[in-house]
Structures are given as structure tokens and as C-alpha cells.
Amino acid sequence: MDAQRLVLHLYVFGQSQHSLRAVDNLRRLCEQRLDDDYELVLIDVQAQPELAEAAQVFATPVTIRIAPPPALRVVGDLSDPFKVLQALGLEHRGNEHAGDDHADSTPPARAQQEQPREH
């Protein structure tokens, strides 16, 4: 990344099917599409509920781009790499999405910009 390392937090709930799929999909996306300059942190909300509460995670799986700012969230199993890159503001990183024109009616993954919290 230019000046700041990409940091992604993936919150999952135990070994559920959705959680395992999200972990596999995000790892694959990072390995295949992103430069080596990233950090991926997996957080099991079942084992560490205090981290989920602090991050205001109420649904899983959810990926939060921590850095660079602004923080962005994507909920779901991350099955479409192009939409995930787009939702996390990373579409300029990685390879072209070969053979996919995205002219279908599937809505893009939704990202939610984090609002600064008052402490």
C-alpha cells in the first residue's frame, strides 16, 4: 500500500459454514488479488465477545477495513471478489476481474463507512 498498510479484521462466529466460507474467501482474495502489504486479523466473536462489542459487530461474518481510513464494513461470506474489493475501496488493487462484465442484476456488495466514535 502507498503510505499505510492495509489492515482487515474478519469477525466470525465459531466454525459455522458461513464463517468458514468467509475465511476461505477472504484469504484467497488477499493471496490472489492484493499485494503482500496487508494484515488480516481473524476474530471469533464466540471466543472473544468483548472485541465484537468494542467494534460494534452485531452480525457475522463481517469484514472491517481498519486501515487505511476511513473504516469500511462488508457483511457476508465475501463470495464475489470484485464486489468485495469494490465495497472495501480496494478495486484499484489487484488484478482485473477476468471474464466478468458485472452487467447482471446482482447488487454490489454494500460497504458501510464507519462513523468516528466519541470516547
Protein backbone atom coordinates (compact mmCIF):
# COMPACT_ATOMS: atom_id res chain seq x y z
CA MET A 1 0.00 0.00 0.00
CA ASP A 2 1.18 3.53 -0.58
CA ALA A 3 1.85 5.03 2.85
CA GLN A 4 -0.25 2.85 5.11
CA ARG A 5 -0.51 -0.93 5.39
CA LEU A 6 -3.91 -2.45 4.63
CA VAL A 7 -5.46 -3.92 7.80
CA LEU A 8 -8.56 -6.10 7.61
CA HIS A 9 -10.42 -7.60 10.58
CA LEU A 10 -12.73 -10.53 9.85
CA TYR A 11 -15.25 -11.28 12.59
CA VAL A 12 -16.71 -14.79 12.51
CA PHE A 13 -18.87 -16.92 14.81
CA GLY A 14 -17.10 -20.16 15.59
CA GLN A 15 -16.87 -22.79 12.87
CA SER A 16 -20.18 -22.10 11.16
CA GLN A 17 -20.44 -22.75 7.44
CA HIS A 18 -20.73 -19.01 6.69
CA SER A 19 -17.73 -18.26 8.87
CA LEU A 20 -15.53 -20.89 7.25
CA ARG A 21 -16.56 -19.75 3.77
CA ALA A 22 -15.81 -16.12 4.63
CA VAL A 23 -12.35 -17.03 5.97
CA ASP A 24 -11.54 -19.07 2.86
CA ASN A 25 -12.84 -16.38 0.51
CA LEU A 26 -11.00 -13.51 2.19
CA ARG A 27 -7.73 -15.43 2.44
CA ARG A 28 -7.96 -16.37 -1.23
CA LEU A 29 -8.76 -12.79 -2.22
CA CYS A 30 -5.81 -11.44 -0.23
CA GLU A 31 -3.40 -14.03 -1.63
CA GLN A 32 -4.52 -13.69 -5.24
CA ARG A 33 -5.53 -10.06 -5.59
CA LEU A 34 -3.67 -7.95 -3.07
CA ASP A 35 -0.05 -7.10 -2.63
CA ASP A 36 1.78 -8.67 0.29
CA ASP A 37 1.46 -5.43 2.25
CA TYR A 38 -1.63 -6.31 4.28
CA GLU A 39 -2.57 -7.70 7.67
CA LEU A 40 -5.55 -10.00 8.13
CA VAL A 41 -6.84 -10.50 11.68
CA LEU A 42 -9.43 -13.22 12.35
CA ILE A 43 -11.65 -12.68 15.39
CA ASP A 44 -14.04 -15.34 16.66
CA VAL A 45 -16.82 -13.46 18.42
CA GLN A 46 -17.81 -16.62 20.27
CA ALA A 47 -14.36 -16.78 21.88
CA GLN A 48 -13.79 -13.03 22.18
CA PRO A 49 -17.19 -11.32 22.54
CA GLU A 50 -15.59 -8.24 24.10
CA LEU A 51 -13.78 -7.49 20.81
CA ALA A 52 -17.03 -7.78 18.87
CA GLU A 53 -18.77 -5.49 21.33
CA ALA A 54 -15.96 -2.92 21.17
CA ALA A 55 -16.12 -2.94 17.35
CA GLN A 56 -19.95 -2.85 17.41
CA VAL A 57 -20.22 -6.10 15.46
CA PHE A 58 -23.78 -7.39 15.61
CA ALA A 59 -23.77 -9.78 12.64
CA THR A 60 -21.22 -12.23 11.31
CA PRO A 61 -19.31 -12.77 9.21
CA VAL A 62 -18.26 -9.15 8.81
CA THR A 63 -15.03 -7.73 7.43
CA ILE A 64 -13.83 -4.33 8.58
CA ARG A 65 -11.15 -2.41 6.74
CA ILE A 66 -9.36 -0.79 9.66
CA ALA A 67 -6.62 0.95 7.69
CA PRO A 68 -6.24 2.99 5.69
CA PRO A 69 -9.08 5.22 6.84
CA PRO A 70 -11.99 5.52 6.54
CA ALA A 71 -13.00 2.25 8.15
CA LEU A 72 -15.42 0.26 5.98
CA ARG A 73 -17.54 -2.84 6.70
CA VAL A 74 -18.76 -5.64 4.46
CA VAL A 75 -21.20 -8.22 5.82
CA GLY A 76 -21.40 -11.68 4.28
CA ASP A 77 -19.29 -14.59 3.08
CA LEU A 78 -17.30 -12.49 0.56
CA SER A 79 -18.04 -14.86 -2.33
CA ASP A 80 -17.62 -12.27 -5.13
CA PRO A 81 -14.03 -10.95 -5.07
CA PHE A 82 -14.75 -8.00 -7.38
CA LYS A 83 -17.65 -6.79 -5.25
CA VAL A 84 -15.63 -7.24 -2.06
CA LEU A 85 -12.71 -5.23 -3.46
CA GLN A 86 -15.14 -2.56 -4.62
CA ALA A 87 -17.02 -2.41 -1.30
CA LEU A 88 -13.77 -2.13 0.65
CA GLY A 89 -12.50 0.61 -1.64
CA LEU A 90 -9.72 -1.63 -2.96
CA GLU A 91 -10.76 -2.11 -6.58
CA HIS A 92 -7.60 -0.34 -7.75
CA ARG A 93 -5.51 -3.01 -6.01
CA GLY A 94 -5.10 -6.40 -7.60
CA ASN A 95 -5.79 -7.91 -11.00
CA GLU A 96 -8.59 -7.35 -13.44
CA HIS A 97 -11.66 -9.47 -12.75
CA ALA A 98 -11.30 -11.60 -15.87
CA GLY A 99 -14.39 -12.65 -17.71
CA ASP A 100 -16.84 -10.84 -15.51
CA ASP A 101 -18.72 -7.93 -17.01
CA HIS A 102 -21.00 -7.38 -13.97
CA ALA A 103 -23.86 -6.46 -16.26
CA ASP A 104 -26.17 -8.74 -14.28
CA SER A 105 -28.80 -7.58 -11.84
CA THR A 106 -26.83 -8.58 -8.75
CA PRO A 107 -26.48 -5.55 -6.50
CA PRO A 108 -22.95 -4.61 -5.46
CA ALA A 109 -21.74 -5.60 -2.03
CA ARG A 110 -22.64 -2.93 0.46
CA ALA A 111 -19.98 -1.21 2.45
CA GLN A 112 -20.72 0.91 5.43
CA GLN A 113 -18.40 3.74 6.35
CA GLU A 114 -17.53 3.80 10.00
CA GLN A 115 -18.51 6.91 11.89
CA PRO A 116 -15.92 8.23 14.34
CA ARG A 117 -16.86 7.33 17.89
CA GLU A 118 -16.62 9.78 20.73
CA HIS A 119 -14.61 8.48 23.65
